[in-house]
Structure formats: structure tokens, C-alpha cells
Protein backbone atom coordinates (compact mmCIF):
# COMPACT_ATOMS: atom_id res chain seq x y z
CA UNK A 1 21.79 64.27 137.76
CA UNK A 2 18.26 63.61 138.70
CA UNK A 3 17.37 63.94 142.32
CA UNK A 4 15.66 60.88 143.75
CA UNK A 5 12.72 62.07 145.78
CA UNK A 6 12.23 58.77 147.67
CA UNK A 7 14.48 55.88 148.34
CA UNK A 8 11.99 54.18 150.54
CA UNK A 9 12.41 50.57 149.41
CA UNK A 10 11.84 49.04 152.88
CA UNK A 11 9.17 46.44 153.25
CA UNK A 12 6.70 47.19 156.01
CA UNK A 13 4.47 44.49 157.48
CA UNK A 14 0.88 44.52 158.59
CA UNK A 15 -0.70 41.66 160.42
CA UNK A 16 -3.25 40.64 162.98
CA UNK A 17 -2.49 38.19 165.76
CA UNK A 18 -2.13 34.61 164.50
CA UNK A 19 -1.64 35.71 160.86
CA UNK A 20 1.59 35.67 158.75
CA UNK A 21 2.85 39.23 158.19
CA UNK A 22 2.24 40.40 154.62
CA UNK A 23 4.74 42.39 152.63
CA UNK A 24 3.81 45.85 151.48
CA UNK A 25 4.94 46.73 147.98
CA UNK A 26 7.54 49.46 147.70
CA UNK A 27 6.18 52.61 146.13
CA UNK A 28 8.86 53.02 143.46
CA UNK A 29 11.22 55.87 142.76
CA UNK A 30 10.25 59.44 142.01
CA UNK A 31 12.36 61.84 139.91
CA UNK A 32 12.35 65.53 139.24
CA UNK A 33 13.87 67.29 136.22
CA UNK A 34 17.29 68.89 136.63
CA UNK A 35 18.70 69.05 133.10
CA UNK A 36 15.64 68.31 130.89
CA UNK A 37 12.42 70.23 130.25
CA UNK A 38 8.86 68.84 130.11
CA UNK A 39 7.67 68.37 126.56
CA UNK A 40 11.14 69.06 125.03
CA UNK A 41 13.19 66.21 123.64
CA UNK A 42 16.74 66.23 125.03
CA UNK A 43 17.92 65.32 121.54
CA UNK A 44 16.55 68.64 120.23
CA UNK A 45 18.63 70.63 122.74
CA UNK A 46 21.98 69.78 121.05
CA UNK A 47 23.31 70.55 117.60
CA UNK A 48 23.98 67.49 115.45
CA UNK A 49 26.55 66.79 112.82
CA UNK A 50 27.11 64.15 110.09
CA UNK A 51 30.72 62.98 109.99
CA UNK A 52 32.98 60.48 108.32
CA UNK A 53 34.27 58.11 110.99
CA UNK A 54 37.57 56.65 109.89
CA UNK A 55 40.47 54.78 111.53
CA UNK A 56 43.78 54.15 109.77
CA UNK A 57 46.86 52.08 110.68
CA UNK A 58 50.43 53.34 110.84
CA UNK A 59 50.83 53.11 107.11
CA UNK A 60 47.67 55.11 106.40
CA UNK A 61 45.59 52.12 105.38
CA UNK A 62 41.89 52.47 106.25
CA UNK A 63 40.89 49.75 108.69
CA UNK A 64 37.45 51.17 109.57
CA UNK A 65 35.11 53.59 107.85
CA UNK A 66 31.51 54.66 108.26
CA UNK A 67 29.97 57.59 106.46
CA UNK A 68 27.41 60.12 107.78
CA UNK A 69 27.70 59.13 111.40
CA UNK A 70 25.37 61.40 113.43
CA UNK A 71 27.04 62.86 116.48
CA UNK A 72 26.60 65.97 118.65
CA UNK A 73 28.49 68.85 117.07
CA UNK A 74 30.73 69.38 120.08
CA UNK A 75 32.01 65.82 120.17
CA UNK A 76 35.61 65.25 119.21
CA UNK A 77 36.63 63.13 116.26
CA UNK A 78 38.24 60.69 118.66
CA UNK A 79 34.92 60.21 120.38
CA UNK A 80 33.19 59.89 117.00
CA UNK A 81 35.58 57.21 115.78
CA UNK A 82 35.33 55.25 119.05
CA UNK A 83 31.53 55.25 119.07
CA UNK A 84 31.30 54.34 115.36
CA UNK A 85 33.86 51.59 115.39
CA UNK A 86 33.13 50.00 118.76
CA UNK A 87 29.52 50.61 119.77
CA UNK A 88 27.22 51.08 116.78
CA UNK A 89 25.37 47.81 116.28
CA UNK A 90 24.69 46.03 113.00
CA UNK A 91 26.67 45.01 109.93
CA UNK A 92 28.33 47.92 108.09
CA UNK A 93 26.60 48.86 104.88
CA UNK A 94 23.25 47.38 105.84
CA UNK A 95 19.97 49.06 106.89
CA UNK A 96 20.34 47.35 110.31
CA UNK A 97 23.49 49.31 111.13
CA UNK A 98 22.99 52.06 113.70
CA UNK A 99 23.66 55.47 112.12
CA UNK A 100 25.12 57.40 115.09
CA UNK A 101 24.92 58.54 118.72
CA UNK A 102 21.20 59.39 118.56
CA UNK A 103 20.25 55.79 117.70
CA UNK A 104 22.81 54.37 120.09
CA UNK A 105 21.61 56.40 123.08
CA UNK A 106 17.98 55.84 122.16
CA UNK A 107 18.51 52.04 122.15
CA UNK A 108 20.13 52.06 125.62
CA UNK A 109 18.14 54.77 127.38
CA UNK A 110 14.67 53.55 126.21
CA UNK A 111 15.53 49.92 127.10
CA UNK A 112 16.60 50.79 130.66
CA UNK A 113 13.47 52.94 131.06
CA UNK A 114 11.27 50.13 129.74
CA UNK A 115 12.88 47.64 132.21
CA UNK A 116 12.18 50.04 135.01
CA UNK A 117 8.59 50.45 134.02
CA UNK A 118 8.00 46.78 133.66
CA UNK A 119 9.60 45.90 137.00
CA UNK A 120 7.90 48.62 139.02
CA UNK A 121 10.98 50.82 139.71
CA UNK A 122 9.24 54.05 138.96
CA UNK A 123 6.47 55.57 141.09
CA UNK A 124 4.52 56.78 138.00
CA UNK A 125 4.93 56.68 134.24
CA UNK A 126 5.86 60.37 134.45
CA UNK A 127 8.80 59.51 136.72
CA UNK A 128 9.97 57.00 134.11
CA UNK A 129 9.74 59.62 131.38
CA UNK A 130 11.68 62.04 133.51
CA UNK A 131 14.39 59.41 134.22
CA UNK A 132 14.72 58.73 130.48
CA UNK A 133 15.11 62.38 129.47
CA UNK A 134 17.59 63.04 132.23
CA UNK A 135 19.64 60.05 131.23
CA UNK A 136 19.65 61.02 127.54
CA UNK A 137 20.77 64.53 128.40
CA UNK A 138 23.66 63.21 130.53
CA UNK A 139 24.80 60.75 127.80
CA UNK A 140 24.63 62.97 124.73
CA UNK A 141 26.49 65.76 126.53
CA UNK A 142 29.13 63.29 127.75
CA UNK A 143 28.55 64.12 131.42
CA UNK A 144 28.79 60.39 132.04
CA UNK A 145 29.04 57.21 129.98
CA UNK A 146 28.18 53.55 130.49
CA UNK A 147 30.85 50.84 130.35
CA UNK A 148 31.41 49.03 127.06
CA UNK A 149 29.18 45.95 127.64
CA UNK A 150 26.14 48.26 128.13
CA UNK A 151 26.77 49.92 124.75
CA UNK A 152 27.51 46.56 123.15
CA UNK A 153 24.47 44.67 124.34
CA UNK A 154 21.61 46.63 125.95
CA UNK A 155 18.65 47.00 123.64
CA UNK A 156 20.18 45.04 120.76
CA UNK A 157 17.22 42.61 120.88
CA UNK A 158 15.40 45.42 119.03
CA UNK A 159 17.84 44.98 116.19
CA UNK A 160 18.36 41.19 116.44
CA UNK A 161 15.22 39.78 118.07
CA UNK A 162 16.07 36.27 116.94
CA UNK A 163 19.68 36.20 118.04
CA UNK A 164 20.66 32.76 119.26
CA UNK A 165 23.69 33.81 121.24
CA UNK A 166 24.37 31.93 124.42
CA UNK A 167 25.43 33.38 127.82
CA UNK A 168 25.00 33.01 131.54
CA UNK A 169 21.91 34.71 132.97
CA UNK A 170 19.80 34.83 136.10
CA UNK A 171 16.62 32.78 135.83
CA UNK A 172 14.04 34.60 137.91
CA UNK A 173 11.77 31.58 138.10
CA UNK A 174 14.43 29.04 139.27
CA UNK A 175 16.44 31.66 141.20
CA UNK A 176 19.64 30.26 139.66
CA UNK A 177 22.38 31.25 137.22
CA UNK A 178 22.00 29.31 134.00
CA UNK A 179 23.84 29.01 130.71
CA UNK A 180 21.76 28.92 127.57
CA UNK A 181 20.34 30.83 124.60
CA UNK A 182 19.54 34.38 125.62
CA UNK A 183 20.37 36.40 122.55
CA UNK A 184 20.28 40.04 123.65
CA UNK A 185 17.10 39.60 125.79
CA UNK A 186 19.19 39.25 129.01
CA UNK A 187 22.27 41.33 128.13
CA UNK A 188 25.64 41.07 129.90
CA UNK A 189 26.20 44.51 131.39
CA UNK A 190 29.08 44.15 133.90
CA UNK A 191 32.45 45.47 132.90
CA UNK A 192 34.62 42.98 134.84
CA UNK A 193 34.44 39.47 136.22
CA UNK A 194 36.85 37.89 138.73
CA UNK A 195 37.22 34.16 137.99
CA UNK A 196 38.71 31.45 140.12
CA UNK A 197 40.58 28.37 139.03
CA UNK A 198 41.50 25.07 140.74
CA UNK A 199 44.54 22.86 140.21
CA UNK A 200 42.86 20.48 137.79
CA UNK A 201 42.70 20.26 134.01
CA UNK A 202 38.92 20.33 134.11
CA UNK A 203 38.96 23.63 136.03
CA UNK A 204 41.63 25.15 133.71
CA UNK A 205 39.68 24.24 130.59
CA UNK A 206 36.44 25.50 132.13
CA UNK A 207 38.21 28.85 132.83
CA UNK A 208 39.11 29.04 129.12
CA UNK A 209 35.44 28.72 128.17
CA UNK A 210 34.31 31.14 130.83
CA UNK A 211 36.76 33.83 129.74
CA UNK A 212 35.95 33.28 126.05
CA UNK A 213 32.24 33.78 126.66
CA UNK A 214 32.78 36.83 128.78
CA UNK A 215 35.01 38.33 126.13
CA UNK A 216 32.36 37.62 123.45
CA UNK A 217 29.84 39.88 125.22
CA UNK A 218 32.38 42.63 125.87
CA UNK A 219 33.44 42.15 129.50
CA UNK A 220 36.92 41.85 131.01
CA UNK A 221 38.18 39.06 133.26
CA UNK A 222 40.80 38.64 135.95
CA UNK A 223 42.18 35.47 137.53
CA UNK A 224 44.84 34.59 140.10
CA UNK A 225 46.59 31.49 138.72
CA UNK A 226 48.50 30.81 141.95
CA UNK A 227 46.44 27.65 142.77
CA UNK A 228 48.14 25.94 139.73
CA UNK A 229 51.18 23.84 140.56
CA UNK A 230 54.54 25.19 139.51
CA UNK A 231 56.43 23.81 136.51
CA UNK A 232 58.85 21.90 138.71
CA UNK A 233 56.18 20.16 140.82
CA UNK A 234 55.07 16.59 140.19
CA UNK A 235 51.69 15.23 139.23
CA UNK A 236 49.89 12.32 140.96
CA UNK A 237 50.53 10.12 137.90
CA UNK A 238 54.27 10.75 138.05
CA UNK A 239 54.79 13.42 135.46
CA UNK A 240 55.64 17.09 135.94
CA UNK A 241 53.12 19.91 136.00
CA UNK A 242 52.95 22.29 133.11
CA UNK A 243 52.80 25.34 135.35
CA UNK A 244 50.67 28.41 134.99
CA UNK A 245 52.70 30.05 132.24
CA UNK A 246 52.01 27.14 129.84
CA UNK A 247 48.26 27.56 130.30
CA UNK A 248 48.63 31.36 130.07
CA UNK A 249 49.71 30.86 126.49
CA UNK A 250 46.40 29.22 125.62
CA UNK A 251 44.30 31.80 127.54
CA UNK A 252 46.33 34.55 125.80
CA UNK A 253 45.62 33.15 122.38
CA UNK A 254 41.82 32.99 123.03
CA UNK A 255 41.89 36.57 124.26
CA UNK A 256 43.58 37.61 121.04
CA UNK A 257 41.10 36.01 118.65
CA UNK A 258 37.83 36.62 120.51
CA UNK A 259 37.27 40.31 119.93
CA UNK A 260 35.46 42.04 122.79
CA UNK A 261 31.74 42.45 122.13
CA UNK A 262 32.15 40.99 118.68
CA UNK A 263 33.88 44.22 117.57
CA UNK A 264 37.44 45.36 116.95
CA UNK A 265 37.98 46.13 120.66
CA UNK A 266 40.63 43.93 122.28
CA UNK A 267 39.64 41.74 125.19
CA UNK A 268 40.42 43.14 128.67
CA UNK A 269 42.25 40.51 130.67
CA UNK A 270 44.32 40.46 133.87
CA UNK A 271 46.47 37.58 135.18
CA UNK A 272 47.84 37.57 138.74
CA UNK A 273 50.46 35.35 140.40
CA UNK A 274 51.43 35.39 144.04
CA UNK A 275 55.02 36.47 144.79
CA UNK A 276 55.76 33.21 146.61
CA UNK A 277 54.67 31.00 143.70
CA UNK A 278 57.48 28.78 142.38
CA UNK A 279 57.22 30.22 138.84
CA UNK A 280 57.17 33.89 139.89
CA UNK A 281 60.51 34.73 138.17
CA UNK A 282 59.39 33.29 134.85
CA UNK A 283 56.08 35.13 135.22
CA UNK A 284 57.86 38.42 135.83
CA UNK A 285 60.16 37.96 132.79
CA UNK A 286 57.74 36.34 130.31
CA UNK A 287 56.51 39.54 128.59
CA UNK A 288 60.09 40.91 128.37
CA UNK A 289 61.39 37.71 126.73
CA UNK A 290 58.55 37.63 124.25
CA UNK A 291 59.10 41.32 123.44
CA UNK A 292 62.71 40.47 122.52
CA UNK A 293 61.36 37.88 120.06
CA UNK A 294 59.18 40.48 118.42
CA UNK A 295 62.12 42.85 118.08
CA UNK A 296 64.09 40.10 116.41
CA UNK A 297 61.27 39.48 113.95
CA UNK A 298 61.03 43.17 113.18
CA UNK A 299 64.77 43.27 112.48
CA UNK A 300 64.25 40.47 109.93
CA UNK A 301 61.62 42.56 108.12
CA UNK A 302 58.35 41.40 109.73
CA UNK A 303 55.75 44.09 110.40
CA UNK A 304 55.67 45.24 114.04
CA UNK A 305 53.57 48.42 113.68
CA UNK A 306 50.56 47.28 115.71
CA UNK A 307 49.45 44.54 118.14
CA UNK A 308 47.96 42.39 115.38
CA UNK A 309 50.99 42.72 113.07
CA UNK A 310 53.00 39.69 111.97
CA UNK A 311 55.71 40.18 114.61
CA UNK A 312 53.44 40.68 117.60
CA UNK A 313 50.78 38.13 116.63
CA UNK A 314 53.56 35.54 116.55
CA UNK A 315 54.47 35.82 120.24
CA UNK A 316 52.76 35.05 123.52
CA UNK A 317 51.49 37.05 126.51
CA UNK A 318 50.40 40.13 124.51
CA UNK A 319 46.68 40.15 125.45
CA UNK A 320 46.81 40.35 129.23
CA UNK A 321 48.03 42.62 131.99
CA UNK A 322 50.29 40.60 134.31
CA UNK A 323 50.32 41.60 138.02
CA UNK A 324 52.34 40.25 140.92
CA UNK A 325 50.47 39.92 144.22
CA UNK A 326 52.86 40.67 147.04
CA UNK A 327 52.52 39.73 150.72
CA UNK A 328 53.36 41.56 153.91
CA UNK A 329 56.18 39.02 154.51
CA UNK A 330 57.71 39.85 151.13
CA UNK A 331 57.58 43.67 151.70
CA UNK A 332 59.07 43.26 155.18
CA UNK A 333 61.91 41.21 153.63
CA UNK A 334 62.50 44.05 151.14
CA UNK A 335 62.65 46.64 153.88
CA UNK A 336 64.98 44.52 155.98
CA UNK A 337 67.04 43.44 152.93
CA UNK A 338 66.64 39.76 153.80
CA UNK A 339 65.86 36.59 151.86
CA UNK A 340 62.48 35.49 150.54
CA UNK A 341 61.53 31.98 149.49
CA UNK A 342 59.03 30.68 146.94
CA UNK A 343 57.07 27.65 148.04
CA UNK A 344 55.44 24.71 146.27
CA UNK A 345 51.69 24.80 145.83
CA UNK A 346 51.18 21.20 146.95
CA UNK A 347 53.08 21.02 150.28
CA UNK A 348 54.40 24.60 150.78
CA UNK A 349 58.02 23.42 150.94
CA UNK A 350 60.75 25.91 149.97
CA UNK A 351 61.49 25.78 146.22
CA UNK A 352 63.94 28.66 145.70
CA UNK A 353 65.28 31.49 147.80
CA UNK A 354 65.94 35.00 146.50
CA UNK A 355 67.13 38.28 147.90
CA UNK A 356 63.77 40.06 148.27
CA UNK A 357 65.16 43.28 146.87
CA UNK A 358 66.42 41.50 143.79
CA UNK A 359 62.98 40.03 143.15
CA UNK A 360 61.40 43.44 143.56
CA UNK A 361 64.01 44.96 141.28
CA UNK A 362 63.22 42.41 138.55
CA UNK A 363 59.57 43.32 138.82
CA UNK A 364 60.36 47.02 138.62
CA UNK A 365 62.61 46.61 135.58
CA UNK A 366 59.89 44.54 133.94
CA UNK A 367 57.48 47.46 134.26
CA UNK A 368 59.85 50.35 133.53
CA UNK A 369 62.05 48.66 130.94
CA UNK A 370 65.00 50.54 132.55
CA UNK A 371 67.30 49.48 135.34
CA UNK A 372 66.51 51.26 138.59
CA UNK A 373 70.07 52.49 138.77
CA UNK A 374 69.54 54.35 135.52
CA UNK A 375 66.43 55.95 136.92
CA UNK A 376 68.24 57.05 140.07
CA UNK A 377 71.24 58.30 138.18
CA UNK A 378 69.13 60.54 136.01
CA UNK A 379 66.82 61.68 138.78
CA UNK A 380 63.68 60.21 137.20
CA UNK A 381 60.64 59.37 139.28
């Protein structure tokens, strides 16, 4: 990877007595060539191939196909199919559709170089050119790769300059995060976002919108739902709270229908619940119970061959990874083989008491789908 010759970004000050110190502009970054050669395009240093990118389902039905996809000759077919189906921009069968890795890498690498040039990141234009060539070499030879949102979004304003897509973005003038029409001019590039939620319907519905928009542009999300009252706790108006699992069903449905980056890629979503939350047992068992429903549907003849099949699209909790957040107190209770209590969100009173080891065992069985005794009996790790 390119060696950075200077990282001197510090701001020095020069002033005379009685004057406000003035900031000295940073000189920018200098690069030297490590992989690339002056005057030689890094694209010309690899052999290229035209391939049929094709993905089929379990029955052999074609669910994606693009002909004459240009890829480096030493790339695997798996890499070819992933790039073609997930990252090439534009509608299939139109001139706007990217034709392969060369166009994809060109879009991303040139855009990043141009940003750097415009914002003064490079010491000289030659340093910008070196950075670009080194980056292209690294990407086409698979020494490194960007996350999905970069491939999804960066440089796509070249292809869709009039896109009216909305997203959050940083407004340099107001120095604030704003939501509005950005198209691909201010692309979403981060892979993951951690979102918070408060125990109010407004906050819960706002989270649904936030997650949906992040999924649209290809990023993943994670949220700890422990601030939401348990399903046995009361509301101020006299009713009973729905509990986090009820709202998880809605979040799960949005994640299932909003395809990541507008492509066939599934949304990346994590849900967390603290081990002392009143609904922790239901949270641990929810996927297992829904899986049993899917198996019952399959036994009746419904298709269960893939995540979007009739059986699995009919059940909940299929579009998120569920994680239990444990505390030191809980783990000490496991070690000492003592009791552990869940507590209400509103007043922290005891709701239910478990044997800590039993609760841990439920969580382990949920993950392994086998009783721990079976694992120990057969010497499995």
C-alpha cells in the first residue's frame, strides 16, 4: 500500500503581539508508488475476461443473469457473481448498466481521487494520480475491498446526476446533519450505524424510518431495545405495554422488504436485549418458535428452500441477528450457580427470578439448536 510521505496535518500559528494567531494551511499528503508504474494504467497490468454472471435458486431457476461481465481473469466465479448482482449500478439491459469490474472500480477510485483533489488532501496533482493508481491496483487484484455502501453509492452521481433520493448528510455550511434530497452527490459510505431508542411510540416509529433509510443506501443497523418496557408493564394511560418483541416484528418486516442498497442484498440488522429485561426469555426463544412454524408450513407443502420462500416469508424475526447483552452480575450468578432476576424497565422492581445457569442454557440451545448435554455426551466443542 502507498507509503504516506507526510502526515503533517497540524496547524501552526504565526502572529505578532496584539494580533489574532492565523492558521497555516496543511500541506496535503504526498504518496510514492509501490505497486503501480508511472505512465502505465493499472488496468493494463491484469488480464481481463468476459463472463456470464448467473445465480440460480435451489431448483435451478435463474434469479439473476448478466452477460459479458468484465472481470480480471484470476477472479473466481463467486466473486464475479457477487460483483455483478450486488454492486454494478444501473438497470439491467440498459446502456446505463455498468459492464464489469473495470467500470465499477473506475467509478469509485476516480471519485475518491477527485474529492481529495477538490478538498486539498493531496500535496500535488501528481500525488493524487499516484494515490488513484495505487488504489486501483489494490482493488482489481483483491488485496483489499471497500464495504458495500461504498460500492453501492460512491460515484453513482455520474450515472444518475438527477437522482432525487433523500438521505442524511453533513451540511458544511450550517455544520449540521440534515435530511433532504442528496441523490448520490453526498453518498452514504459507512457500513454500520448504532441507533438508540426511547420508551415512546414517537421514538419507536422514528427508529423504523431511520433503519429503513439506512437499509435503502446499503448500511447495516444495530439497536439495543432494552429501554422499551416489557410486555407485562403498564402504560401511563392504564393499558399494558406491547413489549420490544411486538415492535421487533415491524422492524423485521421493513428489513425484509427494503433491500440493501436497492439491490438483492439483504439488510444487515442486529437487535440486542439486556439479560435482565423482563422479556428476555421470549427474546431468546422467539427465533426458535418461528422456525418451528416454518417447518410446519414446509411439512404442509409450502416452499422452504430459501429465505424469501413462502414458508420463511410467512414468519417473523428472520431478518435480524438477535444478541443477548449479559452483565457481570449475571455471569457471577452463573459461576456461583445462584438465582438471577429480571427487572422492570420503569421502576427496576423484580419481575421474575431464574436459575442463572438455566437462562444461559436456554441461550446456548437457542444458538446451537442442540441441548448442551448432547454436546457434552458426544464430545463436541
